Protein backbone atom coordinates (compact mmCIF):
# COMPACT_ATOMS: atom_id res chain seq x y z
CA MET A 1 134.00 250.09 6.44
CA LEU A 2 131.14 252.25 7.69
CA ILE A 3 128.59 251.47 10.38
CA ASP A 4 125.50 253.46 11.31
CA ILE A 5 125.34 254.55 14.96
CA ARG A 6 122.59 256.98 15.98
CA GLY A 7 122.07 258.01 12.37
CA ASN A 8 125.74 258.82 11.77
CA LYS A 9 128.23 256.83 9.72
CA LEU A 10 131.36 255.86 11.65
CA TYR A 11 134.40 254.45 9.87
CA PHE A 12 135.97 251.32 11.38
CA GLU A 13 138.46 248.57 10.67
CA TYR A 14 137.96 245.14 12.21
CA GLN A 15 140.29 242.16 12.15
CA ASP A 16 139.07 238.94 13.77
CA ASP A 17 141.93 236.50 13.21
CA PHE A 18 141.81 234.78 16.60
CA GLU A 19 138.85 232.59 17.49
CA ASN A 20 137.68 232.68 21.13
CA ARG A 21 140.02 235.57 21.91
CA PRO A 22 139.10 239.06 23.09
CA THR A 23 138.98 242.14 20.86
CA ILE A 24 141.23 245.11 21.58
CA VAL A 25 139.30 248.31 20.83
CA PHE A 26 141.56 251.27 20.03
CA LEU A 27 140.24 254.69 21.09
CA HIS A 28 142.08 257.62 19.56
CA ASP A 29 143.00 260.97 21.12
CA SER A 30 141.50 264.45 20.59
CA LEU A 31 143.11 264.97 17.16
CA GLY A 32 143.50 261.32 16.19
CA CYS A 33 141.86 258.81 13.88
CA VAL A 34 142.28 255.25 12.62
CA GLU A 35 145.05 256.22 10.24
CA LEU A 36 147.11 257.98 12.90
CA TRP A 37 147.45 254.77 14.91
CA ARG A 38 149.60 253.62 11.95
CA ASP A 39 150.68 249.96 12.36
CA PHE A 40 150.45 249.88 16.16
CA PRO A 41 147.04 248.10 16.37
CA LYS A 42 148.09 245.29 14.00
CA LYS A 43 151.36 244.75 15.85
CA MET A 44 149.48 244.79 19.16
CA GLY A 45 146.92 242.27 17.93
CA LYS A 46 149.57 239.94 16.56
CA ALA A 47 151.70 240.06 19.73
CA SER A 48 148.77 239.48 22.10
CA HIS A 49 146.80 237.07 19.86
CA CYS A 50 143.78 239.35 20.06
CA ASN A 51 141.32 240.61 17.47
CA ILE A 52 141.37 244.35 16.81
CA LEU A 53 138.75 247.05 16.25
CA ILE A 54 139.75 250.62 15.38
CA TYR A 55 137.23 253.36 14.61
CA ASP A 56 136.99 257.09 13.96
CA ARG A 57 134.69 258.90 16.36
CA LEU A 58 132.09 261.23 14.87
CA GLY A 59 133.82 264.21 13.25
CA TYR A 60 137.19 262.51 12.82
CA GLY A 61 139.02 260.81 9.96
CA LYS A 62 136.62 259.08 7.57
CA SER A 63 133.53 259.27 9.80
CA ASP A 64 130.70 261.76 9.30
CA SER A 65 131.21 265.38 10.37
CA MET A 66 130.17 266.82 13.72
CA GLU A 67 127.28 269.26 13.47
CA THR A 68 129.24 271.84 15.48
CA TYR A 69 132.50 272.17 17.36
CA ILE A 70 130.55 273.26 20.46
CA ARG A 71 130.46 270.29 22.81
CA PRO A 72 128.70 269.69 26.13
CA VAL A 73 130.86 269.32 29.22
CA ASN A 74 130.01 265.61 29.35
CA TYR A 75 131.06 264.88 25.73
CA LEU A 76 133.47 262.13 26.83
CA GLU A 77 130.74 260.40 28.80
CA ALA A 78 128.52 260.57 25.70
CA GLU A 79 131.31 259.00 23.60
CA ALA A 80 131.45 256.08 26.04
CA ASP A 81 127.76 255.47 25.35
CA VAL A 82 128.36 255.57 21.59
CA LEU A 83 131.20 253.07 22.05
CA ASN A 84 128.89 250.70 23.89
CA GLU A 85 126.33 250.92 21.08
CA LEU A 86 129.07 250.17 18.55
CA LEU A 87 130.20 247.10 20.50
CA GLU A 88 126.60 245.96 20.87
CA LYS A 89 125.92 246.32 17.16
CA MET A 90 129.10 244.41 16.30
CA GLU A 91 128.28 241.74 18.93
CA ILE A 92 131.61 242.17 20.71
CA LYS A 93 131.14 240.86 24.24
CA ASN A 94 134.73 240.55 25.42
CA ALA A 95 136.35 243.91 24.72
CA ILE A 96 139.71 245.15 25.94
CA LEU A 97 139.68 248.93 25.67
CA LEU A 98 142.96 250.62 24.78
CA GLY A 99 142.55 254.38 24.74
CA HIS A 100 144.97 257.26 24.36
CA SER A 101 144.36 260.71 25.94
CA ASP A 102 140.66 261.51 25.28
CA GLY A 103 140.34 257.87 24.25
CA GLY A 104 141.80 256.82 27.59
CA SER A 105 139.19 258.85 29.45
CA ILE A 106 136.46 257.28 27.31
CA ALA A 107 137.88 253.83 28.14
CA LEU A 108 137.68 254.57 31.88
CA ILE A 109 134.10 255.86 31.62
CA ALA A 110 132.97 252.89 29.51
CA GLY A 111 134.75 250.49 31.87
CA SER A 112 132.76 251.91 34.78
CA LYS A 113 129.39 251.82 33.00
CA TYR A 114 129.48 248.69 30.84
CA LYS A 115 131.17 246.07 33.00
CA GLU A 116 129.48 243.07 31.37
CA ARG A 117 131.07 243.80 27.98
CA ILE A 118 134.46 245.27 28.95
CA LYS A 119 136.98 242.79 30.32
CA MET A 120 140.05 245.05 30.63
CA VAL A 121 140.86 248.74 30.49
CA ILE A 122 144.23 249.97 29.23
CA CYS A 123 144.54 253.74 29.26
CA GLU A 124 147.47 255.79 28.05
CA ALA A 125 147.83 259.44 29.16
CA ALA A 126 144.16 259.59 30.18
CA HIS A 127 142.58 262.45 32.12
CA ILE A 128 140.15 262.12 35.01
CA PHE A 129 140.13 265.84 35.89
CA VAL A 130 141.42 269.12 34.44
CA GLU A 131 144.95 270.25 35.32
CA ASP A 132 146.81 273.50 34.63
CA ILE A 133 149.48 271.58 32.70
CA THR A 134 146.76 270.30 30.35
CA LEU A 135 145.36 273.77 29.70
CA ASN A 136 148.84 275.21 29.15
CA GLY A 137 149.61 272.41 26.68
CA ILE A 138 146.39 273.14 24.81
CA ARG A 139 147.18 276.89 24.66
CA GLU A 140 150.55 276.00 23.15
CA ALA A 141 148.81 273.74 20.62
CA VAL A 142 146.56 276.66 19.60
CA GLN A 143 149.65 278.81 19.06
CA THR A 144 151.25 276.05 16.98
CA TYR A 145 148.06 275.66 14.92
CA GLN A 146 148.01 279.40 14.19
CA THR A 147 151.70 279.78 13.32
CA THR A 148 152.82 276.54 11.63
CA ASN A 149 151.67 274.07 8.99
CA LEU A 150 149.83 271.95 11.59
CA PRO A 151 146.44 272.60 9.90
CA GLN A 152 147.77 271.19 6.62
CA LYS A 153 149.18 268.12 8.41
CA LEU A 154 145.83 267.45 10.08
CA GLN A 155 143.91 267.96 6.82
CA LYS A 156 145.66 264.88 5.46
CA TYR A 157 143.64 262.84 7.98
CA HIS A 158 140.50 264.89 8.68
CA GLY A 159 140.04 266.79 5.40
CA ASN A 160 137.53 269.64 5.59
CA LYS A 161 136.62 268.58 9.13
CA THR A 162 140.02 269.73 10.47
CA GLU A 163 138.99 273.16 11.78
CA THR A 164 135.98 271.71 13.59
CA VAL A 165 138.04 268.87 15.11
CA PHE A 166 140.67 271.29 16.39
CA LYS A 167 138.18 273.78 17.84
CA ALA A 168 136.11 270.99 19.40
CA TRP A 169 139.16 269.96 21.41
CA THR A 170 140.75 273.29 22.28
CA GLU A 171 137.71 275.49 22.81
CA THR A 172 135.90 272.88 24.92
CA TRP A 173 138.82 272.32 27.29
CA LEU A 174 139.59 276.04 27.59
CA ARG A 175 135.98 276.98 28.41
CA ASN A 176 135.27 278.14 31.96
CA ASP A 177 132.49 275.61 32.44
CA PHE A 178 134.84 272.71 31.62
CA LYS A 179 137.29 273.45 34.45
CA ASN A 180 135.25 271.37 36.91
CA TRP A 181 134.92 268.33 34.64
CA ASN A 182 135.85 265.29 36.73
CA ILE A 183 135.17 261.53 36.44
CA GLU A 184 136.73 260.38 39.72
CA TYR A 185 133.26 259.46 41.01
CA LEU A 186 132.94 256.81 38.27
CA LEU A 187 136.24 255.03 38.92
CA PRO A 188 135.16 252.83 41.89
CA GLU A 189 132.71 251.17 39.47
CA ILE A 190 135.62 249.76 37.43
CA ILE A 191 136.11 246.13 38.45
CA SER A 192 138.00 244.86 35.40
CA PRO A 193 141.83 244.81 35.41
CA LEU A 194 143.29 248.24 34.64
CA LEU A 195 146.67 249.22 33.21
CA PHE A 196 147.52 252.94 33.24
CA ILE A 197 150.42 253.93 30.98
CA GLN A 198 151.98 257.38 31.23
CA GLY A 199 155.14 259.08 30.01
CA GLU A 200 157.05 260.72 32.86
CA ASN A 201 157.41 263.87 30.72
CA ASP A 202 153.80 264.00 29.55
CA GLU A 203 153.17 267.59 28.50
CA TYR A 204 149.41 267.31 29.06
CA GLY A 205 149.12 265.64 32.47
CA THR A 206 150.86 264.85 35.74
CA LEU A 207 151.23 261.53 37.54
CA ASP A 208 148.29 262.57 39.74
CA GLN A 209 146.06 261.29 36.93
CA VAL A 210 147.68 257.84 37.21
CA ASN A 211 147.92 257.64 40.99
CA LYS A 212 144.37 258.76 41.70
CA THR A 213 142.92 256.47 39.04
CA THR A 214 144.72 253.34 40.23
CA ALA A 215 143.82 254.15 43.85
CA LEU A 216 140.11 254.58 43.12
CA VAL A 217 139.31 251.58 40.91
CA ASN A 218 138.08 248.35 42.45
CA GLY A 219 139.69 245.95 40.01
CA ARG A 220 143.33 244.87 39.82
CA SER A 221 145.30 247.96 38.80
CA GLN A 222 148.81 248.44 37.49
CA LYS A 223 150.87 251.52 36.55
CA TYR A 224 153.48 251.72 33.83
CA ILE A 225 155.40 255.00 34.05
CA ILE A 226 158.00 255.48 31.31
CA PRO A 227 161.01 257.78 31.81
CA ASN A 228 162.02 260.29 29.11
CA THR A 229 158.68 259.87 27.34
CA GLY A 230 155.92 262.37 26.57
CA HIS A 231 152.21 262.22 25.78
CA THR A 232 152.25 259.45 23.13
CA PRO A 233 154.19 256.43 24.45
CA HIS A 234 152.63 254.08 21.84
CA ARG A 235 154.41 256.13 19.18
CA GLU A 236 157.55 257.17 21.10
CA VAL A 237 158.39 253.76 22.59
CA SER A 238 156.10 251.47 20.61
CA GLU A 239 157.87 248.15 21.32
CA LEU A 240 157.92 248.80 25.08
CA ILE A 241 154.18 249.42 25.07
CA ILE A 242 153.45 246.33 22.97
CA ASN A 243 155.47 244.16 25.35
CA GLU A 244 153.89 245.63 28.49
CA VAL A 245 150.32 245.44 27.19
CA THR A 246 150.83 241.89 25.88
CA ALA A 247 152.11 240.74 29.27
CA PHE A 248 149.19 242.43 31.01
CA ILE A 249 146.64 240.79 28.71
CA LYS A 250 148.25 237.36 29.03
CA ASN A 251 148.11 237.69 32.80
CA GLY A 252 144.35 238.21 32.59
CA TYR A 253 143.55 235.60 29.92
């Protein structure tokens, strides 16, 4: 389905099977979309007895295109505001945010700004500042994009928006003015329970992201560090993540 937010059509899927239960809102990564979550959201909703909302941010998947790949430094903060408008329009007042990578950062920002609506924050491989390992990983992704069939794989999900999606991620993060991007100052405003999930072998971030986040928030915080796992634990060790997140939600509801 499509919903109009700020004059743009965003694609979403919503499943409200559980009365008087919270809604888990899935926030995809920098190259992701609804389809790339595969069956993880439905399995997560079923295991935790929660409703689920998945959506494509502007420029991704089946949503409208971005006007340009050039983004402001605070683009993640702006996405948190769009998320709040989406939740407001859909009258979701008890959201559990579950975000991966860029989506994890958006979850943290939204959790700090919109406390009345967001009851829990679950972030996976989120970033709160820029690290060398992140930039090196992005440079490798650019090389892969230029030398393999990665563009064709992404076109399956983003169609003619693929080039813009890829440049919006890589060129923004590799810009000189993005090096000082940092959301640590927002974290003390988070008072809802927080679960930070990270693969020990994450190729885009170190455990500093986890440790600093959990130290700075003012709500109950919990880390889940997974050995022999990279940047996408929900895909690499799906059942482990479902079990951990379900236990965390049940502990708060």
